[in-house]
Amino acid sequence: MTASKIRTVSPVDGQVVVEREFPSDTELAVLPSKSQTAQKEWAKRSLVDRCELVSAFVDQVMVQKEELARELTLQMGRPLSQAPSELRGFEDRARHMISIAETSLASVIPGNKEGFTRYVERAPLGVVLTIAPWNYPYLTAVNSVVPALVAGNSVILKHSPQTPLVAEQLSAAAERAGFPAGLFQHVHASNEQIQGLVRSEQVNFVSFTGSVAGGRALQGALSERFIGLGLELGGKDAAYVCEDADFDHAVENLVDGAFFNSGQSCCGIERIYVHESIFGRFVDAFVALTQQYRLGNPLDDSTNLGPVVNARAAQFVADQAREAITEGARGLIDPSTFPAHQPGTAYLAPQVLTQVTHSMRVMKEESFGPVVGLMPVRGDSQAVELMNDSEFGLTGSVWTQDQVRAVQIGRQVAVGTWFMNRCDALDPALAWTGVKNSGRGCTLSSIGYEALTRPRSFHLRHSL
């Protein structure tokens, strides 16, 4: 039987947070038409006007940041002490994209040519459909929503069934800011309904953040349409700790990179390669810091490791780790030292594995949970080889005091973003992109505006 609604169950306590009915086919068909009508008028407004109204929208989101943070914790389980950071990130990305709009959307003028006026302007695409995930629902949505609106597009937002209230809160903020009717809409819909929506001739671009399987399904749905599809998909992000690394800094930041948000980040650290000369010391320090984490109810201020999104996800991660151990890996964390660890629930203790190999699923398959594998390497060449031995390529990081070396290594690793001495981060001034099965396209930075606009050339000959 086909589901007729979403039912969001909190990983915090197993209680139902919200239920929403899916729209009828008639209701769904109205969305893009309404969005298209609003977009045509919106595009006529000046860039200054659009920026002012989108800024007001951001203001309206941020005025409720405490309420939204708590609501977010209930929906997906991130500790309440950490949830506000996502709202701050939402604002940072939004403000940056608004601030660079004038230069990013400026016409390209190739130079003077006697008797002619020539330029290329950046025209909006029309209706942008953003499909956002649950793990960072504000941060992932803002990447396309804000620049799309600023560029003169209208937006339809479809959020994960795990975080439907995020879409509703963003819609409410848009309404309070004074957005024209139909300019920003949200929809709760089934996968089949969304595939039908992307086939609509009134939808002009799709931005999707989610699984590789979801990306493939959307690409298939768009196989007969010539519109853009931006994809941010999975990751199995790796770090390489060199022998000259700032040791304490590397340990602290890589533990955080592996276990923040319970490891549920597309750019979270899932593999760490450490120079053999410091490997034993690094493992000991990494485990010691991991054991200081407090797993528990995310509404408790002392908790810094909350549940994963649901019991099924916890079981998937636990099975990966258990399988690796049966194949020869060594698990360095005793789950019983985390009293809140409860098999069969979403509460999962972190795990650190050594003696892992790339024949193990835990080192090849995206985990999206609190588990990380550590391997010693002889040097840079072996580290590069192992980092590239993955179907994914979102981010990678190197930990060294030699910037020249960092750049040389980074140019050999197939990723969209290469970090030195940091990880699991995003700078909105830089392009956010992936390679291989981590996706295609780009969001953020001035380059991010290119996917949300199309070039329109003007070739004007003066009177004879």
Protein backbone atom coordinates (compact mmCIF):
# COMPACT_ATOMS: atom_id res chain seq x y z
CA MET A 1 0.00 0.00 0.00
CA THR A 2 1.38 3.40 -0.97
CA ALA A 3 1.94 5.76 1.97
CA SER A 4 -0.34 8.77 2.06
CA LYS A 5 1.53 10.83 4.65
CA ILE A 6 4.79 11.36 6.48
CA ARG A 7 5.18 10.43 10.11
CA THR A 8 8.23 11.85 11.85
CA VAL A 9 9.44 9.80 14.82
CA SER A 10 11.97 11.46 17.11
CA PRO A 11 15.20 9.53 17.72
CA VAL A 12 15.28 11.20 21.14
CA ASP A 13 12.41 9.24 22.68
CA GLY A 14 10.61 7.41 19.88
CA GLN A 15 7.63 9.75 20.05
CA VAL A 16 5.85 11.06 16.95
CA VAL A 17 6.86 14.68 16.37
CA VAL A 18 4.55 15.47 13.49
CA GLU A 19 2.38 13.90 10.81
CA ARG A 20 1.57 15.49 7.46
CA GLU A 21 -0.63 14.33 4.59
CA PHE A 22 0.78 14.17 1.08
CA PRO A 23 -0.90 16.51 -1.40
CA SER A 24 -3.36 15.23 -3.95
CA ASP A 25 -2.20 15.10 -7.56
CA THR A 26 -4.30 18.20 -8.24
CA GLU A 27 -2.73 20.11 -5.35
CA LEU A 28 0.75 19.08 -6.46
CA ALA A 29 0.13 20.19 -10.03
CA VAL A 30 -0.72 23.71 -8.85
CA LEU A 31 2.66 24.23 -7.16
CA PRO A 32 4.90 24.79 -10.19
CA SER A 33 2.28 26.85 -11.97
CA LYS A 34 1.94 29.15 -8.98
CA SER A 35 5.71 29.27 -8.63
CA GLN A 36 6.21 30.13 -12.30
CA THR A 37 3.72 33.00 -12.14
CA ALA A 38 5.41 34.47 -9.06
CA GLN A 39 8.86 34.10 -10.60
CA LYS A 40 8.04 36.15 -13.69
CA GLU A 41 7.15 39.16 -11.56
CA TRP A 42 9.99 38.57 -9.10
CA ALA A 43 12.57 38.60 -11.88
CA LYS A 44 11.42 42.10 -12.89
CA ARG A 45 12.44 43.50 -9.52
CA SER A 46 15.84 45.08 -9.13
CA LEU A 47 18.63 43.07 -7.58
CA VAL A 48 18.70 45.54 -4.69
CA ASP A 49 15.02 44.90 -3.97
CA ARG A 50 15.47 41.14 -4.13
CA CYS A 51 18.46 41.23 -1.80
CA GLU A 52 16.58 43.36 0.72
CA LEU A 53 13.62 41.00 0.81
CA VAL A 54 15.79 37.88 1.05
CA SER A 55 17.73 39.56 3.87
CA ALA A 56 14.44 40.15 5.66
CA PHE A 57 13.67 36.45 5.20
CA VAL A 58 16.97 35.55 6.88
CA ASP A 59 16.15 37.97 9.70
CA GLN A 60 12.84 36.23 10.24
CA VAL A 61 14.52 32.83 10.47
CA MET A 62 17.12 34.02 12.95
CA VAL A 63 14.69 35.78 15.26
CA GLN A 64 13.39 32.30 16.17
CA LYS A 65 16.75 30.56 16.36
CA GLU A 66 16.30 29.20 19.90
CA GLU A 67 12.91 27.70 19.09
CA LEU A 68 14.16 26.30 15.79
CA ALA A 69 17.22 24.74 17.43
CA ARG A 70 15.11 22.83 19.97
CA GLU A 71 12.66 21.76 17.28
CA LEU A 72 15.59 20.53 15.19
CA THR A 73 16.94 18.43 18.06
CA LEU A 74 13.57 16.76 18.52
CA GLN A 75 13.35 15.90 14.84
CA MET A 76 16.82 14.51 14.16
CA GLY A 77 18.60 14.15 17.50
CA ARG A 78 21.56 16.53 17.43
CA PRO A 79 22.44 17.70 20.96
CA LEU A 80 20.69 20.93 21.86
CA SER A 81 24.05 22.38 22.88
CA GLN A 82 25.19 22.04 19.25
CA ALA A 83 21.97 22.71 17.33
CA PRO A 84 22.28 26.54 17.37
CA SER A 85 25.50 26.28 15.36
CA GLU A 86 23.48 25.15 12.36
CA LEU A 87 21.34 28.29 12.50
CA ARG A 88 24.47 30.41 12.75
CA GLY A 89 25.83 28.60 9.71
CA PHE A 90 22.56 29.19 7.87
CA GLU A 91 22.87 32.91 8.49
CA ASP A 92 26.57 33.03 7.59
CA ARG A 93 26.02 31.34 4.24
CA ALA A 94 22.93 33.38 3.44
CA ARG A 95 24.54 36.72 4.29
CA HIS A 96 27.61 35.86 2.25
CA MET A 97 25.66 34.89 -0.85
CA ILE A 98 23.62 38.09 -0.60
CA SER A 99 26.77 40.17 -0.15
CA ILE A 100 28.42 38.86 -3.32
CA ALA A 101 25.30 38.98 -5.49
CA GLU A 102 26.06 42.26 -7.24
CA THR A 103 29.47 41.16 -8.50
CA SER A 104 28.46 37.53 -9.08
CA LEU A 105 25.43 38.45 -11.18
CA ALA A 106 27.02 41.37 -13.02
CA SER A 107 26.96 41.29 -16.81
CA VAL A 108 30.08 40.15 -18.60
CA ILE A 109 31.34 42.81 -20.99
CA PRO A 110 33.89 41.44 -23.49
CA GLY A 111 35.32 44.82 -24.47
CA ASN A 112 34.63 47.64 -26.87
CA LYS A 113 33.86 46.96 -30.51
CA GLU A 114 33.14 49.93 -32.70
CA GLY A 115 29.52 50.09 -33.81
CA PHE A 116 28.30 47.50 -31.32
CA THR A 117 27.17 47.09 -27.74
CA ARG A 118 27.88 43.58 -26.46
CA TYR A 119 27.38 41.93 -23.11
CA VAL A 120 26.29 38.70 -21.46
CA GLU A 121 23.79 38.95 -18.65
CA ARG A 122 22.93 36.28 -16.13
CA ALA A 123 19.23 35.49 -16.43
CA PRO A 124 17.31 33.46 -13.84
CA LEU A 125 16.34 29.93 -14.76
CA GLY A 126 12.75 30.10 -13.49
CA VAL A 127 11.50 27.59 -10.93
CA VAL A 128 14.11 25.88 -8.73
CA LEU A 129 13.18 22.71 -6.85
CA THR A 130 15.38 22.13 -3.79
CA ILE A 131 15.31 18.68 -2.19
CA ALA A 132 17.04 18.82 1.19
CA PRO A 133 18.11 16.11 3.68
CA TRP A 134 17.62 15.73 7.43
CA ASN A 135 21.19 15.75 8.74
CA TYR A 136 21.79 19.50 8.22
CA PRO A 137 18.40 20.65 7.01
CA TYR A 138 18.95 24.41 7.31
CA LEU A 139 22.54 24.40 6.07
CA THR A 140 21.89 22.26 3.01
CA ALA A 141 18.71 24.11 2.02
CA VAL A 142 20.28 27.57 2.26
CA ASN A 143 23.00 26.62 -0.24
CA SER A 144 20.53 26.78 -3.12
CA VAL A 145 17.46 28.53 -1.72
CA VAL A 146 19.01 31.92 -0.97
CA PRO A 147 21.12 32.35 -4.14
CA ALA A 148 18.25 31.04 -6.26
CA LEU A 149 15.91 33.70 -4.89
CA VAL A 150 18.49 36.46 -5.09
CA ALA A 151 19.18 35.56 -8.73
CA GLY A 152 15.50 36.01 -9.60
CA ASN A 153 14.20 32.45 -9.39
CA SER A 154 11.28 31.12 -7.39
CA VAL A 155 11.76 28.10 -5.10
CA ILE A 156 9.86 24.98 -4.16
CA LEU A 157 11.41 23.26 -1.14
CA LYS A 158 10.94 19.60 -0.35
CA HIS A 159 12.51 18.47 2.91
CA SER A 160 13.22 15.03 4.29
CA PRO A 161 10.32 13.34 6.11
CA GLN A 162 12.58 13.41 9.18
CA THR A 163 12.69 17.23 9.28
CA PRO A 164 9.45 18.49 7.72
CA LEU A 165 9.10 21.31 10.23
CA VAL A 166 12.23 22.95 8.82
CA ALA A 167 10.48 23.47 5.49
CA GLU A 168 7.43 24.82 7.26
CA GLN A 169 9.49 27.21 9.36
CA LEU A 170 11.29 28.55 6.30
CA SER A 171 7.97 29.05 4.51
CA ALA A 172 6.56 30.88 7.52
CA ALA A 173 9.65 33.11 7.67
CA ALA A 174 9.26 33.94 3.98
CA GLU A 175 5.64 34.89 4.53
CA ARG A 176 6.50 37.11 7.50
CA ALA A 177 9.23 38.78 5.44
CA GLY A 178 6.65 39.74 2.84
CA PHE A 179 7.49 37.38 -0.02
CA PRO A 180 4.98 37.49 -2.89
CA ALA A 181 2.55 34.57 -2.92
CA GLY A 182 4.00 31.56 -4.66
CA LEU A 183 7.60 32.76 -4.65
CA PHE A 184 8.72 30.36 -1.93
CA GLN A 185 6.66 27.23 -1.38
CA HIS A 186 7.27 23.96 0.42
CA VAL A 187 5.81 20.54 -0.20
CA HIS A 188 5.66 17.27 1.73
CA ALA A 189 5.42 14.55 -0.90
CA SER A 190 6.27 10.96 -1.70
CA ASN A 191 9.28 10.02 -3.80
CA GLU A 192 6.95 9.13 -6.65
CA GLN A 193 5.26 12.52 -6.47
CA ILE A 194 8.62 14.31 -6.48
CA GLN A 195 9.74 12.36 -9.54
CA GLY A 196 6.55 13.51 -11.23
CA LEU A 197 7.22 17.09 -10.15
CA VAL A 198 10.73 17.15 -11.63
CA ARG A 199 9.26 16.05 -14.95
CA SER A 200 7.03 19.14 -14.99
CA GLU A 201 7.92 21.53 -17.80
CA GLN A 202 7.51 24.36 -15.30
CA VAL A 203 10.43 23.20 -13.14
CA ASN A 204 13.72 24.53 -14.50
CA PHE A 205 16.41 23.29 -12.10
CA VAL A 206 16.67 20.65 -9.37
CA SER A 207 19.09 20.82 -6.45
CA PHE A 208 19.35 17.57 -4.51
CA THR A 209 21.31 16.64 -1.41
CA GLY A 210 21.00 13.04 -0.37
CA SER A 211 21.97 9.48 -1.21
CA VAL A 212 23.63 8.18 -4.34
CA ALA A 213 20.54 6.07 -5.02
CA GLY A 214 18.35 9.16 -4.71
CA GLY A 215 20.59 11.06 -7.11
CA ARG A 216 20.40 8.27 -9.66
CA ALA A 217 16.62 8.15 -9.38
CA LEU A 218 16.36 11.88 -10.06
CA GLN A 219 18.77 11.67 -12.96
CA GLY A 220 16.58 8.94 -14.42
CA ALA A 221 13.45 11.02 -13.93
CA LEU A 222 15.11 13.89 -15.80
CA SER A 223 16.48 11.75 -18.63
CA GLU A 224 14.08 13.27 -21.15
CA ARG A 225 14.48 16.87 -19.96
CA PHE A 226 17.33 19.28 -20.66
CA ILE A 227 17.49 21.07 -17.33
CA GLY A 228 20.22 21.30 -14.72
CA LEU A 229 20.52 18.88 -11.82
CA GLY A 230 22.85 19.71 -8.94
CA LEU A 231 23.81 16.72 -6.80
CA GLU A 232 25.54 16.52 -3.43
CA LEU A 233 25.56 12.85 -2.57
CA GLY A 234 27.57 10.54 -0.34
CA GLY A 235 31.02 10.75 1.14
CA LYS A 236 33.71 8.62 2.71
CA ASP A 237 35.97 11.49 3.60
CA ALA A 238 39.54 10.79 4.56
CA ALA A 239 42.26 12.53 6.54
CA TYR A 240 46.01 12.10 6.41
CA VAL A 241 48.04 12.95 9.52
CA CYS A 242 51.67 13.62 8.63
CA GLU A 243 54.59 13.06 10.97
CA ASP A 244 55.06 16.84 11.37
CA ALA A 245 51.44 17.58 12.27
CA ASP A 246 50.49 19.70 15.28
CA PHE A 247 49.64 16.54 17.18
CA ASP A 248 47.15 17.75 19.78
CA HIS A 249 45.35 19.96 17.25
CA ALA A 250 45.01 17.06 14.82
CA VAL A 251 43.65 14.67 17.45
CA GLU A 252 41.11 17.13 18.81
CA ASN A 253 39.79 18.21 15.44
CA LEU A 254 39.68 14.75 13.88
CA VAL A 255 37.75 13.29 16.81
CA ASP A 256 35.29 16.15 16.39
CA GLY A 257 35.26 15.64 12.62
CA ALA A 258 34.41 11.98 13.06
CA PHE A 259 31.79 12.23 15.80
CA PHE A 260 30.12 15.66 15.58
CA ASN A 261 26.44 15.18 14.74
CA SER A 262 27.03 11.50 15.56
CA GLY A 263 29.06 11.18 12.38
CA GLN A 264 26.06 12.05 10.25
CA SER A 265 27.72 14.51 7.91
CA CYS A 266 28.44 14.14 4.21
CA CYS A 267 31.89 15.61 4.86
CA GLY A 268 32.46 13.91 8.22
CA ILE A 269 35.69 12.00 8.75
CA GLU A 270 35.27 8.25 8.17
CA ARG A 271 38.86 7.21 7.35
CA ILE A 272 42.12 8.39 8.92
CA TYR A 273 45.58 7.55 7.61
CA VAL A 274 48.43 8.32 10.01
CA HIS A 275 52.15 8.30 9.37
CA GLU A 276 53.52 5.11 10.89
CA SER A 277 56.03 7.00 13.03
CA ILE A 278 53.27 8.53 15.15
CA PHE A 279 50.49 5.98 14.62
CA GLY A 280 50.53 4.30 18.04
CA ARG A 281 50.62 7.60 19.90
CA PHE A 282 47.85 9.01 17.70
CA VAL A 283 45.59 6.00 18.29
CA ASP A 284 46.00 6.22 22.05
CA ALA A 285 45.20 9.94 22.12
CA PHE A 286 42.28 9.54 19.71
CA VAL A 287 40.68 6.81 21.79
CA ALA A 288 41.25 8.68 25.06
CA LEU A 289 39.46 11.75 23.75
CA THR A 290 36.63 9.70 22.25
CA GLN A 291 36.02 8.09 25.62
CA GLN A 292 35.40 11.53 27.10
CA TYR A 293 32.30 11.98 24.93
CA ARG A 294 28.96 11.79 26.66
CA LEU A 295 26.27 9.85 24.81
CA GLY A 296 22.76 10.59 25.98
CA ASN A 297 19.54 12.53 25.66
CA PRO A 298 20.33 15.44 23.32
CA LEU A 299 18.09 17.77 25.34
CA ASP A 300 20.55 17.44 28.25
CA ASP A 301 23.12 20.24 28.16
CA SER A 302 25.93 17.86 29.15
CA THR A 303 25.37 15.60 26.14
CA ASN A 304 27.74 16.06 23.22
CA LEU A 305 26.89 12.85 21.36
CA GLY A 306 23.23 12.30 20.59
CA PRO A 307 21.39 9.40 18.98
CA VAL A 308 21.68 8.71 15.29
CA VAL A 309 18.59 9.39 13.23
CA ASN A 310 16.85 6.06 13.89
CA ALA A 311 17.41 2.50 15.07
CA ARG A 312 17.83 1.22 11.52
CA ALA A 313 20.74 3.61 10.92
CA ALA A 314 22.32 2.59 14.23
CA GLN A 315 22.08 -1.07 13.29
CA PHE A 316 23.69 -0.39 9.90
CA VAL A 317 26.71 1.26 11.52
CA ALA A 318 26.97 -1.38 14.23
CA ASP A 319 26.85 -4.13 11.61
CA GLN A 320 29.67 -2.47 9.64
CA ALA A 321 31.87 -2.35 12.73
CA ARG A 322 30.97 -5.88 13.84
CA GLU A 323 31.67 -7.28 10.39
CA ALA A 324 35.05 -5.54 10.28
CA ILE A 325 35.99 -7.01 13.66
CA THR A 326 35.11 -10.52 12.49
CA GLU A 327 37.39 -9.90 9.48
CA GLY A 328 40.34 -8.93 11.66
CA ALA A 329 39.83 -5.34 12.74
CA ARG A 330 40.24 -4.34 16.35
CA GLY A 331 37.51 -2.34 18.08
CA LEU A 332 39.06 -0.03 20.64
CA ILE A 333 35.87 1.21 22.32
CA ASP A 334 33.87 -0.98 24.67
CA PRO A 335 30.24 0.13 24.13
CA SER A 336 29.44 -0.72 27.75
CA THR A 337 31.56 2.28 28.83
CA PHE A 338 28.79 4.43 27.33
CA PRO A 339 25.80 3.73 29.60
CA ALA A 340 23.31 5.28 27.16
CA HIS A 341 24.30 2.80 24.43
CA GLN A 342 21.20 0.71 23.78
CA PRO A 343 21.24 -1.94 21.02
CA GLY A 344 18.03 -1.86 19.03
CA THR A 345 17.59 1.90 19.53
CA ALA A 346 19.08 5.01 17.96
CA TYR A 347 21.55 5.41 20.86
CA LEU A 348 24.86 4.10 19.56
CA ALA A 349 28.29 4.33 21.20
CA PRO A 350 31.15 5.59 19.03
CA GLN A 351 33.64 3.08 17.70
CA VAL A 352 37.30 3.41 16.70
CA LEU A 353 38.78 0.62 14.60
CA THR A 354 42.38 -0.28 13.85
CA GLN A 355 43.86 -3.17 11.85
CA VAL A 356 41.36 -2.29 9.14
CA THR A 357 41.85 -2.88 5.42
CA HIS A 358 40.18 -1.61 2.29
CA SER A 359 38.57 -5.00 1.79
CA MET A 360 36.23 -4.14 4.69
CA ARG A 361 32.93 -2.38 4.13
CA VAL A 362 33.65 0.07 6.93
CA MET A 363 36.54 1.50 4.89
CA LYS A 364 34.76 1.54 1.54
CA GLU A 365 31.04 2.05 2.13
CA GLU A 366 29.62 5.27 3.55
CA SER A 367 28.88 4.76 7.26
CA PHE A 368 27.13 8.02 8.16
CA GLY A 369 27.47 7.29 11.83
CA PRO A 370 29.91 7.32 14.78
CA VAL A 371 32.55 4.90 13.52
CA VAL A 372 36.00 5.58 12.08
CA GLY A 373 38.84 3.43 10.84
CA LEU A 374 42.52 4.28 11.45
CA MET A 375 45.39 2.95 9.32
CA PRO A 376 49.16 3.56 9.41
CA VAL A 377 50.89 4.63 6.19
CA ARG A 378 54.53 4.76 5.19
CA GLY A 379 54.32 8.20 3.62
CA ASP A 380 52.59 10.60 1.24
CA SER A 381 52.37 8.27 -1.77
CA GLN A 382 50.62 5.51 0.12
CA ALA A 383 48.30 8.01 1.79
CA VAL A 384 47.27 9.46 -1.60
CA GLU A 385 46.71 5.98 -3.03
CA LEU A 386 44.44 4.97 -0.14
CA MET A 387 42.55 8.25 -0.04
CA ASN A 388 41.76 7.88 -3.73
CA ASP A 389 40.66 4.26 -3.28
CA SER A 390 37.02 5.26 -2.90
CA GLU A 391 33.95 5.74 -5.04
CA PHE A 392 33.45 9.09 -3.28
CA GLY A 393 35.26 12.41 -3.44
CA LEU A 394 33.70 15.22 -1.44
CA THR A 395 36.46 16.47 0.87
CA GLY A 396 39.83 15.37 2.14
CA SER A 397 42.27 16.80 4.63
CA VAL A 398 45.95 16.77 5.46
CA TRP A 399 47.50 17.62 8.81
CA THR A 400 50.97 19.09 8.42
CA GLN A 401 52.94 22.27 9.06
CA ASP A 402 54.17 22.38 5.46
CA GLN A 403 51.76 24.26 3.20
CA VAL A 404 53.69 23.47 0.02
CA ARG A 405 53.49 19.78 0.86
CA ALA A 406 49.78 20.10 1.62
CA VAL A 407 49.06 21.61 -1.78
CA GLN A 408 51.17 19.02 -3.60
CA ILE A 409 49.28 16.20 -1.90
CA GLY A 410 45.92 17.88 -2.41
CA ARG A 411 46.41 18.13 -6.15
CA GLN A 412 46.72 14.35 -6.29
CA VAL A 413 43.57 13.54 -4.29
CA ALA A 414 40.24 13.42 -6.16
CA VAL A 415 38.01 15.60 -3.99
CA GLY A 416 36.01 18.79 -4.37
CA THR A 417 37.50 20.51 -1.30
CA TRP A 418 40.97 19.93 0.17
CA PHE A 419 41.70 21.08 3.72
CA MET A 420 44.90 21.64 5.61
CA ASN A 421 44.69 21.38 9.41
CA ARG A 422 40.90 21.38 9.48
CA CYS A 423 38.02 19.18 8.35
CA ASP A 424 34.25 18.83 8.27
CA ALA A 425 33.88 22.52 7.45
CA LEU A 426 32.56 24.77 4.73
CA ASP A 427 33.52 28.30 3.71
CA PRO A 428 30.71 29.94 1.70
CA ALA A 429 33.28 31.97 -0.23
CA LEU A 430 34.58 28.72 -1.75
CA ALA A 431 32.86 26.41 -4.19
CA TRP A 432 31.17 23.42 -2.56
CA THR A 433 31.38 20.50 -4.95
CA GLY A 434 32.20 16.83 -5.20
CA VAL A 435 33.58 14.33 -7.69
CA LYS A 436 32.87 10.69 -8.48
CA ASN A 437 29.81 9.43 -6.58
CA SER A 438 29.84 12.45 -4.29
CA GLY A 439 27.92 14.30 -6.96
CA ARG A 440 28.23 17.02 -9.54
CA GLY A 441 27.64 20.72 -9.85
CA CYS A 442 28.47 23.43 -7.35
CA THR A 443 26.83 25.53 -4.67
CA LEU A 444 28.04 28.62 -2.81
CA SER A 445 30.73 31.14 -3.80
CA SER A 446 30.31 33.25 -6.91
CA ILE A 447 30.54 30.04 -8.94
CA GLY A 448 27.39 28.77 -7.22
CA TYR A 449 25.37 31.49 -8.93
CA GLU A 450 26.33 30.11 -12.36
CA ALA A 451 24.22 26.96 -11.92
CA LEU A 452 21.18 29.03 -10.90
CA THR A 453 21.31 31.37 -13.89
CA ARG A 454 21.77 31.06 -17.61
CA PRO A 455 23.87 33.28 -19.87
CA ARG A 456 21.90 35.52 -22.19
CA SER A 457 23.99 37.37 -24.79
CA PHE A 458 23.12 40.79 -26.22
CA HIS A 459 24.71 41.64 -29.57
CA LEU A 460 23.46 45.12 -30.49
CA ARG A 461 24.49 46.82 -33.68
CA HIS A 462 24.26 50.59 -33.67
CA SER A 463 22.26 52.49 -36.30
CA LEU A 464 23.92 52.67 -39.71
